[in-house]
Amino acid sequence: MQLLFPKQLKSQLISRKLHFQKFLQNWENRLKWFSCTTINWLNGNLVKLSDFKGKLVYMDIWATWCGPCVEEIPNMEKLYQHYKDDPRILLVSVSVDSKKNLWEKKLDEDKPQWPQYIVDGALKDKLYNEYIITGIPRFMMFDSEGRIITINAMRPSNGKLIPFIEEQLSKPKEIKGPGGMKMIKLK
């Protein structure tokens, strides 16, 4: 009996280690996805998500047919007005509408002032799978290096969101020094 326990324990530890390594690899892939994926901008131009690097990104995943998504638009407008002059943060909305004309019509009605994008087809599927999106609206936040802060951020209507954003903006930025040495850049 004593011989079985160490083998079982070793097997469990190896299994957990492999599971953890797979988990880390999935997160690394998500970071790579952020850096290389392109989305369509309102004017039809393709934009790389890595173009947002250098700013804290608060991303809204929404659709015109989603009632709760549409209800958040006025709150997103208030959030935009709060941060519009702050160069450290970028608010973006990404529509998952399958009918681009409905998205364009909604934007024409609401006239949002922050960047608007749309994904469809395979890119939409990748977005849903990589970020485990099972419903919308979904709000996500990325740091200035494109790393995930949260894939389930508070909605703009949540009174705790602005203090959370301020906390993220006040964190010291980590930079790489000579030889890859980690250094902290203070404000």
C-alpha atoms as a PDB file:
ATOM      1  CA  MET A   1       0.000   0.000   0.000  1.00  0.00           C
ATOM      2  CA  GLN A   2       2.846   2.422   0.749  1.00  0.00           C
ATOM      3  CA  LEU A   3       4.285   1.878  -2.733  1.00  0.00           C
ATOM      4  CA  LEU A   4       1.023   2.910  -4.437  1.00  0.00           C
ATOM      5  CA  PHE A   5       0.641   6.191  -2.616  1.00  0.00           C
ATOM      6  CA  PRO A   6       3.875   7.780  -3.874  1.00  0.00           C
ATOM      7  CA  LYS A   7       3.055   6.669  -7.456  1.00  0.00           C
ATOM      8  CA  GLN A   8      -0.464   8.083  -7.213  1.00  0.00           C
ATOM      9  CA  LEU A   9       0.811  11.303  -5.710  1.00  0.00           C
ATOM     10  CA  LYS A  10       3.459  11.639  -8.400  1.00  0.00           C
ATOM     11  CA  SER A  11       0.853  10.986 -11.091  1.00  0.00           C
ATOM     12  CA  GLN A  12      -1.487  13.618  -9.627  1.00  0.00           C
ATOM     13  CA  LEU A  13       1.303  16.174  -9.378  1.00  0.00           C
ATOM     14  CA  ILE A  14       2.360  15.568 -12.984  1.00  0.00           C
ATOM     15  CA  SER A  15      -1.251  15.874 -14.108  1.00  0.00           C
ATOM     16  CA  ARG A  16      -1.694  19.166 -12.233  1.00  0.00           C
ATOM     17  CA  LYS A  17       1.587  20.502 -13.598  1.00  0.00           C
ATOM     18  CA  LEU A  18       0.516  19.689 -17.167  1.00  0.00           C
ATOM     19  CA  HIS A  19      -2.888  21.273 -16.568  1.00  0.00           C
ATOM     20  CA  PHE A  20      -1.243  24.429 -15.201  1.00  0.00           C
ATOM     21  CA  GLN A  21       1.196  24.588 -18.132  1.00  0.00           C
ATOM     22  CA  LYS A  22      -1.722  24.293 -20.559  1.00  0.00           C
ATOM     23  CA  PHE A  23      -3.554  27.058 -18.687  1.00  0.00           C
ATOM     24  CA  LEU A  24      -0.514  29.361 -18.938  1.00  0.00           C
ATOM     25  CA  GLN A  25      -0.080  28.547 -22.638  1.00  0.00           C
ATOM     26  CA  ASN A  26      -3.713  29.477 -23.291  1.00  0.00           C
ATOM     27  CA  TRP A  27      -3.191  32.863 -21.616  1.00  0.00           C
ATOM     28  CA  GLU A  28       0.028  33.426 -23.571  1.00  0.00           C
ATOM     29  CA  ASN A  29      -1.873  32.643 -26.779  1.00  0.00           C
ATOM     30  CA  ARG A  30      -4.508  35.207 -25.820  1.00  0.00           C
ATOM     31  CA  LEU A  31      -1.810  37.824 -25.378  1.00  0.00           C
ATOM     32  CA  LYS A  32      -0.405  36.938 -28.794  1.00  0.00           C
ATOM     33  CA  TRP A  33      -3.920  37.164 -30.212  1.00  0.00           C
ATOM     34  CA  PHE A  34      -4.243  40.682 -28.835  1.00  0.00           C
ATOM     35  CA  SER A  35      -1.018  41.666 -30.525  1.00  0.00           C
ATOM     36  CA  CYS A  36      -1.695  40.252 -33.997  1.00  0.00           C
ATOM     37  CA  THR A  37      -5.452  40.264 -34.578  1.00  0.00           C
ATOM     38  CA  THR A  38      -7.067  42.797 -36.843  1.00  0.00           C
ATOM     39  CA  ILE A  39     -10.568  44.214 -36.631  1.00  0.00           C
ATOM     40  CA  ASN A  40     -12.614  46.389 -38.971  1.00  0.00           C
ATOM     41  CA  TRP A  41     -12.901  50.038 -38.134  1.00  0.00           C
ATOM     42  CA  LEU A  42     -16.035  52.021 -38.968  1.00  0.00           C
ATOM     43  CA  ASN A  43     -14.469  53.444 -42.129  1.00  0.00           C
ATOM     44  CA  GLY A  44     -13.615  49.932 -43.357  1.00  0.00           C
ATOM     45  CA  ASN A  45      -9.900  50.093 -42.534  1.00  0.00           C
ATOM     46  CA  LEU A  46      -8.365  47.154 -40.725  1.00  0.00           C
ATOM     47  CA  VAL A  47      -6.800  47.948 -37.365  1.00  0.00           C
ATOM     48  CA  LYS A  48      -4.404  45.760 -35.409  1.00  0.00           C
ATOM     49  CA  LEU A  49      -5.241  45.445 -31.754  1.00  0.00           C
ATOM     50  CA  SER A  50      -1.538  45.933 -31.073  1.00  0.00           C
ATOM     51  CA  ASP A  51      -2.007  49.508 -32.342  1.00  0.00           C
ATOM     52  CA  PHE A  52      -3.677  50.160 -28.982  1.00  0.00           C
ATOM     53  CA  LYS A  53      -0.458  49.334 -27.114  1.00  0.00           C
ATOM     54  CA  GLY A  54       0.726  52.068 -24.807  1.00  0.00           C
ATOM     55  CA  LYS A  55      -2.747  52.753 -23.448  1.00  0.00           C
ATOM     56  CA  LEU A  56      -5.029  51.090 -20.962  1.00  0.00           C
ATOM     57  CA  VAL A  57      -7.819  49.665 -23.134  1.00  0.00           C
ATOM     58  CA  TYR A  58     -11.402  49.292 -21.921  1.00  0.00           C
ATOM     59  CA  MET A  59     -13.200  47.207 -24.530  1.00  0.00           C
ATOM     60  CA  ASP A  60     -16.949  46.806 -24.939  1.00  0.00           C
ATOM     61  CA  ILE A  61     -18.169  43.726 -26.844  1.00  0.00           C
ATOM     62  CA  TRP A  62     -21.735  44.374 -27.963  1.00  0.00           C
ATOM     63  CA  ALA A  63     -24.398  44.013 -30.675  1.00  0.00           C
ATOM     64  CA  THR A  64     -27.348  46.084 -31.847  1.00  0.00           C
ATOM     65  CA  TRP A  65     -29.823  43.281 -31.085  1.00  0.00           C
ATOM     66  CA  CYS A  66     -28.666  42.994 -27.441  1.00  0.00           C
ATOM     67  CA  GLY A  67     -30.924  45.014 -25.118  1.00  0.00           C
ATOM     68  CA  PRO A  68     -28.476  45.157 -22.169  1.00  0.00           C
ATOM     69  CA  CYS A  69     -25.700  46.203 -24.590  1.00  0.00           C
ATOM     70  CA  VAL A  70     -27.749  49.089 -25.946  1.00  0.00           C
ATOM     71  CA  GLU A  71     -28.702  50.130 -22.393  1.00  0.00           C
ATOM     72  CA  GLU A  72     -24.987  50.566 -21.587  1.00  0.00           C
ATOM     73  CA  ILE A  73     -24.340  52.980 -24.485  1.00  0.00           C
ATOM     74  CA  PRO A  74     -25.313  56.140 -22.507  1.00  0.00           C
ATOM     75  CA  ASN A  75     -23.075  54.956 -19.652  1.00  0.00           C
ATOM     76  CA  MET A  76     -20.239  54.309 -22.090  1.00  0.00           C
ATOM     77  CA  GLU A  77     -20.758  57.877 -23.355  1.00  0.00           C
ATOM     78  CA  LYS A  78     -20.418  59.208 -19.778  1.00  0.00           C
ATOM     79  CA  LEU A  79     -17.256  57.144 -19.300  1.00  0.00           C
ATOM     80  CA  TYR A  80     -15.886  58.481 -22.572  1.00  0.00           C
ATOM     81  CA  GLN A  81     -16.630  62.070 -21.515  1.00  0.00           C
ATOM     82  CA  HIS A  82     -14.813  61.414 -18.230  1.00  0.00           C
ATOM     83  CA  TYR A  83     -11.646  60.117 -19.964  1.00  0.00           C
ATOM     84  CA  LYS A  84     -11.691  61.762 -23.401  1.00  0.00           C
ATOM     85  CA  ASP A  85      -8.751  64.051 -22.571  1.00  0.00           C
ATOM     86  CA  ASP A  86      -6.685  61.390 -20.802  1.00  0.00           C
ATOM     87  CA  PRO A  87      -4.057  60.036 -23.227  1.00  0.00           C
ATOM     88  CA  ARG A  88      -3.388  56.994 -21.006  1.00  0.00           C
ATOM     89  CA  ILE A  89      -6.714  55.273 -21.721  1.00  0.00           C
ATOM     90  CA  LEU A  90      -8.640  54.220 -24.797  1.00  0.00           C
ATOM     91  CA  LEU A  91     -12.275  53.148 -24.819  1.00  0.00           C
ATOM     92  CA  VAL A  92     -13.310  50.995 -27.773  1.00  0.00           C
ATOM     93  CA  SER A  93     -16.501  49.222 -28.734  1.00  0.00           C
ATOM     94  CA  VAL A  94     -16.413  46.049 -30.812  1.00  0.00           C
ATOM     95  CA  SER A  95     -19.660  44.912 -32.387  1.00  0.00           C
ATOM     96  CA  VAL A  96     -20.347  41.245 -33.061  1.00  0.00           C
ATOM     97  CA  ASP A  97     -23.287  42.041 -35.339  1.00  0.00           C
ATOM     98  CA  SER A  98     -23.552  39.762 -38.351  1.00  0.00           C
ATOM     99  CA  LYS A  99     -25.311  42.499 -40.335  1.00  0.00           C
ATOM    100  CA  LYS A 100     -22.936  45.417 -40.791  1.00  0.00           C
ATOM    101  CA  ASN A 101     -25.745  47.684 -42.034  1.00  0.00           C
ATOM    102  CA  LEU A 102     -27.605  47.384 -38.688  1.00  0.00           C
ATOM    103  CA  TRP A 103     -24.410  48.291 -36.844  1.00  0.00           C
ATOM    104  CA  GLU A 104     -23.807  51.293 -39.117  1.00  0.00           C
ATOM    105  CA  LYS A 105     -27.425  52.436 -38.663  1.00  0.00           C
ATOM    106  CA  LYS A 106     -27.124  52.258 -34.855  1.00  0.00           C
ATOM    107  CA  LEU A 107     -23.885  54.242 -34.947  1.00  0.00           C
ATOM    108  CA  ASP A 108     -25.527  56.821 -37.185  1.00  0.00           C
ATOM    109  CA  GLU A 109     -28.364  57.165 -34.644  1.00  0.00           C
ATOM    110  CA  ASP A 110     -26.205  57.330 -31.493  1.00  0.00           C
ATOM    111  CA  LYS A 111     -23.099  59.025 -32.931  1.00  0.00           C
ATOM    112  CA  PRO A 112     -20.658  57.610 -30.359  1.00  0.00           C
ATOM    113  CA  GLN A 113     -17.413  59.570 -30.159  1.00  0.00           C
ATOM    114  CA  TRP A 114     -15.102  56.724 -29.145  1.00  0.00           C
ATOM    115  CA  PRO A 115     -13.661  54.213 -31.663  1.00  0.00           C
ATOM    116  CA  GLN A 116     -16.126  51.679 -33.096  1.00  0.00           C
ATOM    117  CA  TYR A 117     -15.132  48.343 -34.618  1.00  0.00           C
ATOM    118  CA  ILE A 118     -16.874  45.240 -35.912  1.00  0.00           C
ATOM    119  CA  VAL A 119     -15.841  41.588 -36.115  1.00  0.00           C
ATOM    120  CA  ASP A 120     -17.657  38.804 -37.897  1.00  0.00           C
ATOM    121  CA  GLY A 121     -17.229  35.270 -39.156  1.00  0.00           C
ATOM    122  CA  ALA A 122     -14.087  33.448 -38.090  1.00  0.00           C
ATOM    123  CA  LEU A 123     -12.732  36.455 -36.209  1.00  0.00           C
ATOM    124  CA  LYS A 124     -15.912  36.671 -34.153  1.00  0.00           C
ATOM    125  CA  ASP A 125     -15.655  32.943 -33.360  1.00  0.00           C
ATOM    126  CA  LYS A 126     -12.017  33.373 -32.328  1.00  0.00           C
ATOM    127  CA  LEU A 127     -12.931  36.308 -30.085  1.00  0.00           C
ATOM    128  CA  TYR A 128     -15.682  34.279 -28.402  1.00  0.00           C
ATOM    129  CA  ASN A 129     -13.470  31.201 -27.938  1.00  0.00           C
ATOM    130  CA  GLU A 130     -10.292  32.922 -26.799  1.00  0.00           C
ATOM    131  CA  TYR A 131     -12.004  35.141 -24.251  1.00  0.00           C
ATOM    132  CA  ILE A 132     -14.639  32.618 -23.178  1.00  0.00           C
ATOM    133  CA  ILE A 133     -17.469  34.936 -24.197  1.00  0.00           C
ATOM    134  CA  THR A 134     -20.758  33.187 -23.541  1.00  0.00           C
ATOM    135  CA  GLY A 135     -22.915  36.293 -23.557  1.00  0.00           C
ATOM    136  CA  ILE A 136     -22.853  39.997 -24.189  1.00  0.00           C
ATOM    137  CA  PRO A 137     -22.385  42.713 -23.223  1.00  0.00           C
ATOM    138  CA  ARG A 138     -18.851  41.802 -22.224  1.00  0.00           C
ATOM    139  CA  PHE A 139     -16.344  44.350 -21.049  1.00  0.00           C
ATOM    140  CA  MET A 140     -12.618  43.616 -20.984  1.00  0.00           C
ATOM    141  CA  MET A 141      -9.580  45.563 -19.883  1.00  0.00           C
ATOM    142  CA  PHE A 142      -5.992  45.369 -21.115  1.00  0.00           C
ATOM    143  CA  ASP A 143      -2.960  47.137 -19.699  1.00  0.00           C
ATOM    144  CA  SER A 144      -0.694  49.405 -21.718  1.00  0.00           C
ATOM    145  CA  GLU A 145       1.376  46.412 -22.816  1.00  0.00           C
ATOM    146  CA  GLY A 146      -1.664  44.555 -24.160  1.00  0.00           C
ATOM    147  CA  ARG A 147      -1.778  42.148 -21.225  1.00  0.00           C
ATOM    148  CA  ILE A 148      -5.150  41.095 -19.898  1.00  0.00           C
ATOM    149  CA  ILE A 149      -6.254  42.816 -16.704  1.00  0.00           C
ATOM    150  CA  THR A 150      -9.694  41.219 -16.800  1.00  0.00           C
ATOM    151  CA  ILE A 151     -11.886  39.601 -19.429  1.00  0.00           C
ATOM    152  CA  ASN A 152     -14.935  40.275 -17.284  1.00  0.00           C
ATOM    153  CA  ALA A 153     -14.638  43.954 -16.369  1.00  0.00           C
ATOM    154  CA  MET A 154     -17.344  45.969 -14.681  1.00  0.00           C
ATOM    155  CA  ARG A 155     -19.972  47.590 -16.871  1.00  0.00           C
ATOM    156  CA  PRO A 156     -19.842  51.364 -17.413  1.00  0.00           C
ATOM    157  CA  SER A 157     -22.996  51.660 -15.281  1.00  0.00           C
ATOM    158  CA  ASN A 158     -21.138  50.248 -12.260  1.00  0.00           C
ATOM    159  CA  GLY A 159     -20.115  53.073  -9.922  1.00  0.00           C
ATOM    160  CA  LYS A 160     -16.964  51.162  -8.954  1.00  0.00           C
ATOM    161  CA  LEU A 161     -15.571  51.160 -12.504  1.00  0.00           C
ATOM    162  CA  ILE A 162     -13.932  54.613 -12.489  1.00  0.00           C
ATOM    163  CA  PRO A 163     -12.078  53.967  -9.188  1.00  0.00           C
ATOM    164  CA  PHE A 164     -10.916  50.618 -10.635  1.00  0.00           C
ATOM    165  CA  ILE A 165      -9.691  52.309 -13.817  1.00  0.00           C
ATOM    166  CA  GLU A 166      -7.914  54.982 -11.752  1.00  0.00           C
ATOM    167  CA  GLU A 167      -6.215  52.237  -9.750  1.00  0.00           C
ATOM    168  CA  GLN A 168      -5.009  50.592 -12.967  1.00  0.00           C
ATOM    169  CA  LEU A 169      -3.787  53.896 -14.389  1.00  0.00           C
ATOM    170  CA  SER A 170      -1.814  54.684 -11.235  1.00  0.00           C
ATOM    171  CA  LYS A 171       0.093  51.387 -11.242  1.00  0.00           C
ATOM    172  CA  PRO A 172       3.775  51.773 -12.073  1.00  0.00           C
ATOM    173  CA  LYS A 173       4.668  50.581 -15.554  1.00  0.00           C
ATOM    174  CA  GLU A 174       7.094  47.683 -15.829  1.00  0.00           C
ATOM    175  CA  ILE A 175       9.783  48.116 -18.473  1.00  0.00           C
ATOM    176  CA  LYS A 176      12.678  45.932 -19.572  1.00  0.00           C
ATOM    177  CA  GLY A 177      16.162  47.186 -18.968  1.00  0.00           C
ATOM    178  CA  PRO A 178      19.513  45.942 -20.244  1.00  0.00           C
ATOM    179  CA  GLY A 179      19.647  42.168 -20.536  1.00  0.00           C
ATOM    180  CA  GLY A 180      15.883  41.898 -20.077  1.00  0.00           C
ATOM    181  CA  MET A 181      16.115  43.060 -16.468  1.00  0.00           C
ATOM    182  CA  LYS A 182      12.706  44.158 -15.163  1.00  0.00           C
ATOM    183  CA  MET A 183      12.524  47.766 -14.069  1.00  0.00           C
ATOM    184  CA  ILE A 184       9.667  49.901 -12.803  1.00  0.00           C
ATOM    185  CA  LYS A 185       8.944  53.198 -14.525  1.00  0.00           C
ATOM    186  CA  LEU A 186       7.329  55.575 -12.090  1.00  0.00           C
ATOM    187  CA  LYS A 187       4.790  58.054 -13.402  1.00  0.00           C
END
